C-alpha atoms as a PDB file:
ATOM      1  CA  MET A   1      66.155  18.681  39.801  1.00  0.00           C
ATOM      2  CA  GLU A   2      64.264  22.121  40.667  1.00  0.00           C
ATOM      3  CA  ARG A   3      63.797  22.119  44.386  1.00  0.00           C
ATOM      4  CA  VAL A   4      60.299  23.966  45.115  1.00  0.00           C
ATOM      5  CA  ILE A   5      58.158  24.962  47.800  1.00  0.00           C
ATOM      6  CA  ILE A   6      54.491  26.046  48.145  1.00  0.00           C
ATOM      7  CA  LYS A   7      53.728  29.567  49.776  1.00  0.00           C
ATOM      8  CA  LYS A   8      50.752  31.349  49.715  1.00  0.00           C
ATOM      9  CA  HIS A   9      50.550  34.534  47.062  1.00  0.00           C
ATOM     10  CA  ASP A  10      47.917  37.020  45.576  1.00  0.00           C
ATOM     11  CA  GLY A  11      45.446  34.821  48.072  1.00  0.00           C
ATOM     12  CA  LYS A  12      46.310  31.427  45.656  1.00  0.00           C
ATOM     13  CA  TYR A  13      48.751  28.799  47.209  1.00  0.00           C
ATOM     14  CA  ARG A  14      51.487  28.472  44.752  1.00  0.00           C
ATOM     15  CA  ILE A  15      54.528  26.271  43.504  1.00  0.00           C
ATOM     16  CA  PHE A  16      57.627  28.219  43.766  1.00  0.00           C
ATOM     17  CA  CYS A  17      61.202  27.663  42.965  1.00  0.00           C
ATOM     18  CA  GLU A  18      63.322  27.520  45.854  1.00  0.00           C
ATOM     19  CA  ASP A  19      64.834  30.918  45.697  1.00  0.00           C
ATOM     20  CA  GLY A  20      61.181  31.944  46.450  1.00  0.00           C
ATOM     21  CA  LYS A  21      61.037  34.434  43.572  1.00  0.00           C
ATOM     22  CA  ARG A  22      60.000  32.448  40.666  1.00  0.00           C
ATOM     23  CA  TYR A  23      56.655  30.580  40.548  1.00  0.00           C
ATOM     24  CA  TYR A  24      54.993  27.961  38.257  1.00  0.00           C
ATOM     25  CA  LYS A  25      51.903  30.487  37.265  1.00  0.00           C
ATOM     26  CA  LYS A  26      49.770  27.618  36.084  1.00  0.00           C
ATOM     27  CA  PHE A  27      49.893  26.084  39.271  1.00  0.00           C
ATOM     28  CA  ALA A  28      47.539  28.267  41.510  1.00  0.00           C
ATOM     29  CA  TYR A  29      45.402  26.184  44.109  1.00  0.00           C
ATOM     30  CA  LYS A  30      42.597  27.368  46.580  1.00  0.00           C
ATOM     31  CA  GLN A  31      43.342  24.957  48.706  1.00  0.00           C
ATOM     32  CA  LEU A  32      46.482  24.135  50.340  1.00  0.00           C
ATOM     33  CA  ALA A  33      45.990  20.340  49.898  1.00  0.00           C
ATOM     34  CA  ASN A  34      45.207  20.496  46.630  1.00  0.00           C
ATOM     35  CA  ALA A  35      48.998  21.973  46.003  1.00  0.00           C
ATOM     36  CA  ILE A  36      50.379  19.480  47.851  1.00  0.00           C
ATOM     37  CA  LYS A  37      49.019  16.827  46.009  1.00  0.00           C
ATOM     38  CA  THR A  38      50.335  18.589  42.542  1.00  0.00           C
ATOM     39  CA  ALA A  39      53.796  19.214  43.831  1.00  0.00           C
ATOM     40  CA  GLU A  40      54.247  15.334  45.358  1.00  0.00           C
ATOM     41  CA  ARG A  41      52.812  14.296  41.561  1.00  0.00           C
ATOM     42  CA  TYR A  42      55.583  16.463  40.021  1.00  0.00           C
ATOM     43  CA  HIS A  43      58.313  15.153  43.028  1.00  0.00           C
ATOM     44  CA  ASP A  44      57.310  11.104  42.029  1.00  0.00           C
ATOM     45  CA  ALA A  45      57.706  11.802  38.661  1.00  0.00           C
ATOM     46  CA  GLY A  46      61.083  13.553  39.145  1.00  0.00           C
ATOM     47  CA  TRP A  47      60.572  16.798  37.558  1.00  0.00           C
ATOM     48  CA  TRP A  48      61.063  18.780  41.352  1.00  0.00           C
ATOM     49  CA  GLU A  49      62.384  18.329  44.393  1.00  0.00           C
ATOM     50  CA  TYR A  50      59.226  19.266  46.617  1.00  0.00           C
ATOM     51  CA  ILE A  51      60.748  20.645  49.858  1.00  0.00           C
ATOM     52  CA  GLY A  52      57.607  21.674  51.927  1.00  0.00           C
ATOM     53  CA  THR A  53      55.499  24.741  52.513  1.00  0.00           C
ATOM     54  CA  ASP A  54      55.874  27.701  54.427  1.00  0.00           C
ATOM     55  CA  GLU A  55      52.786  26.945  56.523  1.00  0.00           C
ATOM     56  CA  VAL A  56      52.034  24.461  59.141  1.00  0.00           C
ATOM     57  CA  GLN A  57      49.695  22.618  58.338  1.00  0.00           C
ATOM     58  CA  LYS A  58      46.662  21.955  61.037  1.00  0.00           C
ATOM     59  CA  PRO A  59      45.247  18.904  61.040  1.00  0.00           C
ATOM     60  CA  THR A  60      41.167  19.249  60.668  1.00  0.00           C
ATOM     61  CA  LYS A  61      39.389  17.387  63.225  1.00  0.00           C
ATOM     62  CA  ARG A  62      35.951  16.464  62.190  1.00  0.00           C
ATOM     63  CA  VAL A  63      33.280  17.390  64.317  1.00  0.00           C
ATOM     64  CA  VAL A  64      30.543  14.897  64.542  1.00  0.00           C
ATOM     65  CA  PRO A  65      26.961  16.494  65.351  1.00  0.00           C
ATOM     66  CA  THR A  66      24.783  15.222  67.803  1.00  0.00           C
ATOM     67  CA  CYS A  67      21.316  15.184  68.886  1.00  0.00           C
ATOM     68  CA  GLU A  68      21.518  16.636  72.314  1.00  0.00           C
ATOM     69  CA  GLN A  69      23.167  19.900  70.388  1.00  0.00           C
ATOM     70  CA  TYR A  70      20.229  20.365  68.108  1.00  0.00           C
ATOM     71  CA  GLY A  71      17.840  19.608  70.638  1.00  0.00           C
ATOM     72  CA  ILE A  72      16.170  16.624  68.798  1.00  0.00           C
ATOM     73  CA  LYS A  73      14.060  14.380  70.311  1.00  0.00           C
ATOM     74  CA  VAL A  74      11.734  11.796  69.808  1.00  0.00           C
ATOM     75  CA  GLY A  75       8.054  12.543  68.123  1.00  0.00           C
ATOM     76  CA  ASP A  76       9.753  15.200  66.497  1.00  0.00           C
ATOM     77  CA  ILE A  77       8.388  15.448  62.158  1.00  0.00           C
ATOM     78  CA  TRP A  78      11.433  15.803  59.409  1.00  0.00           C
ATOM     79  CA  VAL A  79      10.811  16.394  56.284  1.00  0.00           C
ATOM     80  CA  CYS A  80      12.580  14.954  53.066  1.00  0.00           C
ATOM     81  CA  SER A  81      11.603  17.045  49.855  1.00  0.00           C
ATOM     82  CA  TRP A  82      12.679  15.739  46.337  1.00  0.00           C
ATOM     83  CA  GLY A  83      11.899  15.395  42.723  1.00  0.00           C
ATOM     84  CA  TYR A  84      12.866  16.072  38.974  1.00  0.00           C
ATOM     85  CA  GLU A  85      10.235  17.991  37.225  1.00  0.00           C
ATOM     86  CA  GLN A  86       7.770  17.312  40.216  1.00  0.00           C
ATOM     87  CA  THR A  87       8.204  17.707  44.299  1.00  0.00           C
ATOM     88  CA  ASN A  88       7.726  15.076  46.182  1.00  0.00           C
ATOM     89  CA  ILE A  89       7.141  15.178  49.433  1.00  0.00           C
ATOM     90  CA  ASP A  90       8.049  12.534  52.424  1.00  0.00           C
ATOM     91  CA  PHE A  91       7.246  13.055  56.011  1.00  0.00           C
ATOM     92  CA  TYR A  92       8.988  10.523  58.898  1.00  0.00           C
ATOM     93  CA  GLU A  93       8.375  10.551  62.624  1.00  0.00           C
ATOM     94  CA  VAL A  94      11.978   9.984  65.065  1.00  0.00           C
ATOM     95  CA  THR A  95      11.173   7.505  66.658  1.00  0.00           C
ATOM     96  CA  ARG A  96      14.441   6.866  68.566  1.00  0.00           C
ATOM     97  CA  ILE A  97      17.351   8.941  69.180  1.00  0.00           C
ATOM     98  CA  THR A  98      21.569   7.641  69.805  1.00  0.00           C
ATOM     99  CA  ARG A  99      23.914   9.845  70.403  1.00  0.00           C
ATOM    100  CA  CYS A 100      24.591  11.144  66.762  1.00  0.00           C
ATOM    101  CA  SER A 101      21.990   9.209  64.979  1.00  0.00           C
ATOM    102  CA  VAL A 102      18.108   9.356  64.646  1.00  0.00           C
ATOM    103  CA  GLU A 103      15.918   6.719  63.855  1.00  0.00           C
ATOM    104  CA  LEU A 104      13.088   7.853  61.350  1.00  0.00           C
ATOM    105  CA  THR A 105      10.324   6.070  60.135  1.00  0.00           C
ATOM    106  CA  ALA A 106       7.714   6.978  57.382  1.00  0.00           C
ATOM    107  CA  ILE A 107       4.402   8.241  58.348  1.00  0.00           C
ATOM    108  CA  LYS A 108       1.870   9.432  56.239  1.00  0.00           C
ATOM    109  CA  HIS A 109       0.685  13.158  55.347  1.00  0.00           C
ATOM    110  CA  THR A 110      -2.557  14.929  53.461  1.00  0.00           C
ATOM    111  CA  THR A 111      -2.469  17.050  50.473  1.00  0.00           C
ATOM    112  CA  GLU A 112      -4.710  19.926  49.858  1.00  0.00           C
ATOM    113  CA  GLN A 113      -4.845  20.996  46.643  1.00  0.00           C
ATOM    114  CA  ASP A 114      -4.016  24.782  45.581  1.00  0.00           C
ATOM    115  CA  THR A 115      -3.892  24.931  41.959  1.00  0.00           C
ATOM    116  CA  CYS A 116      -3.909  22.238  38.717  1.00  0.00           C
ATOM    117  CA  GLY A 117      -0.855  19.795  39.921  1.00  0.00           C
ATOM    118  CA  SER A 118       0.434  21.164  43.243  1.00  0.00           C
ATOM    119  CA  GLY A 119      -0.597  21.634  46.544  1.00  0.00           C
ATOM    120  CA  LYS A 120       0.531  21.679  50.505  1.00  0.00           C
ATOM    121  CA  ALA A 121       0.997  18.255  51.988  1.00  0.00           C
ATOM    122  CA  MET A 122       1.009  18.226  56.102  1.00  0.00           C
ATOM    123  CA  PRO A 123       2.466  15.080  58.129  1.00  0.00           C
ATOM    124  CA  CYS A 124      -0.274  12.794  60.059  1.00  0.00           C
ATOM    125  CA  PRO A 125       2.109  12.096  63.029  1.00  0.00           C
ATOM    126  CA  GLY A 126       1.430   8.315  64.587  1.00  0.00           C
ATOM    127  CA  HIS A 127       0.309   7.146  60.915  1.00  0.00           C
ATOM    128  CA  TYR A 128       3.505   5.203  60.379  1.00  0.00           C
ATOM    129  CA  CYS A 129       3.765   3.934  56.502  1.00  0.00           C
ATOM    130  CA  GLY A 130       7.180   2.248  56.410  1.00  0.00           C
ATOM    131  CA  LYS A 131       9.890   0.700  58.805  1.00  0.00           C
ATOM    132  CA  PRO A 132      11.784   2.115  61.054  1.00  0.00           C
ATOM    133  CA  LYS A 133      15.601   3.094  59.570  1.00  0.00           C
ATOM    134  CA  LEU A 134      18.410   4.473  61.726  1.00  0.00           C
ATOM    135  CA  HIS A 135      20.791   7.279  60.019  1.00  0.00           C
ATOM    136  CA  ARG A 136      23.476   9.224  60.880  1.00  0.00           C
ATOM    137  CA  LEU A 137      23.224  13.078  61.547  1.00  0.00           C
ATOM    138  CA  ASN A 138      24.812  15.444  59.720  1.00  0.00           C
ATOM    139  CA  ASP A 139      25.441  19.250  59.510  1.00  0.00           C
ATOM    140  CA  VAL A 140      24.763  21.284  56.444  1.00  0.00           C
ATOM    141  CA  CYS A 141      25.560  24.861  57.446  1.00  0.00           C
ATOM    142  CA  GLY A 142      24.741  24.777  61.077  1.00  0.00           C
ATOM    143  CA  GLU A 143      21.208  22.588  60.807  1.00  0.00           C
ATOM    144  CA  PRO A 144      21.111  18.739  60.854  1.00  0.00           C
ATOM    145  CA  CYS A 145      20.366  16.838  58.149  1.00  0.00           C
ATOM    146  CA  VAL A 146      20.267  13.327  57.577  1.00  0.00           C
ATOM    147  CA  THR A 147      20.838  11.121  54.346  1.00  0.00           C
ATOM    148  CA  MET A 148      17.459   9.287  53.309  1.00  0.00           C
ATOM    149  CA  THR A 149      18.953   8.378  49.488  1.00  0.00           C
ATOM    150  CA  SER A 150      21.878   9.532  46.727  1.00  0.00           C
ATOM    151  CA  TYR A 151      19.014  12.255  45.807  1.00  0.00           C
ATOM    152  CA  ALA A 152      17.266  13.440  49.066  1.00  0.00           C
ATOM    153  CA  ASP A 153      17.843  14.513  52.748  1.00  0.00           C
ATOM    154  CA  ALA A 154      16.081  15.048  55.461  1.00  0.00           C
ATOM    155  CA  TYR A 155      15.414  17.894  57.532  1.00  0.00           C
ATOM    156  CA  PRO A 156      13.605  18.888  60.572  1.00  0.00           C
ATOM    157  CA  TRP A 157       9.931  19.926  59.534  1.00  0.00           C
ATOM    158  CA  ASP A 158       9.247  23.863  60.973  1.00  0.00           C
ATOM    159  CA  GLY A 159       6.038  23.199  60.991  1.00  0.00           C
ATOM    160  CA  LYS A 160       4.118  25.152  57.838  1.00  0.00           C
ATOM    161  CA  PRO A 161       3.098  23.372  54.817  1.00  0.00           C
ATOM    162  CA  GLU A 162       5.036  21.878  52.700  1.00  0.00           C
ATOM    163  CA  TYR A 163       4.572  22.605  48.401  1.00  0.00           C
ATOM    164  CA  CYS A 164       4.360  19.512  46.783  1.00  0.00           C
ATOM    165  CA  SER A 165       3.443  19.006  42.822  1.00  0.00           C
ATOM    166  CA  TRP A 166       2.454  15.987  40.591  1.00  0.00           C
ATOM    167  CA  TRP A 167       2.827  16.892  36.750  1.00  0.00           C
ATOM    168  CA  TYR A 168       3.079  13.416  35.697  1.00  0.00           C
END
């Protein structure tokens, strides 16, 4: 049974023989975790004796985004844009905050038609049209976000009219 070790080589994590000179070319990974999974799978199958990596793995600690960090407050407007072959817009108002969550309530909006089948939507703060729902706060590229459905996320509204369309 061959003894193997994982090393970074040419910008990728590769599975090397213990001597450090030969490596398995078909196994090249961008992430160390994926290389370790492969090495462990072959180890369990009895092909290799996996003896570790030449890197120290640092445990990754998830940083939990907070409402305070983004300056979120009650009364803020959030927008959710979604759809397939048309763009649907939903507006929400923050009705309560906790440390890591926001309670959003759907609000009505007005739409001003631009062209045939499209326009600009603006929220009507305080005109609620749904039940409040608490959502866990996420961080996407440094911006706050909440998941509304499996296909749509909501973000703080920038104050500009939102494009929408209704082709069907």
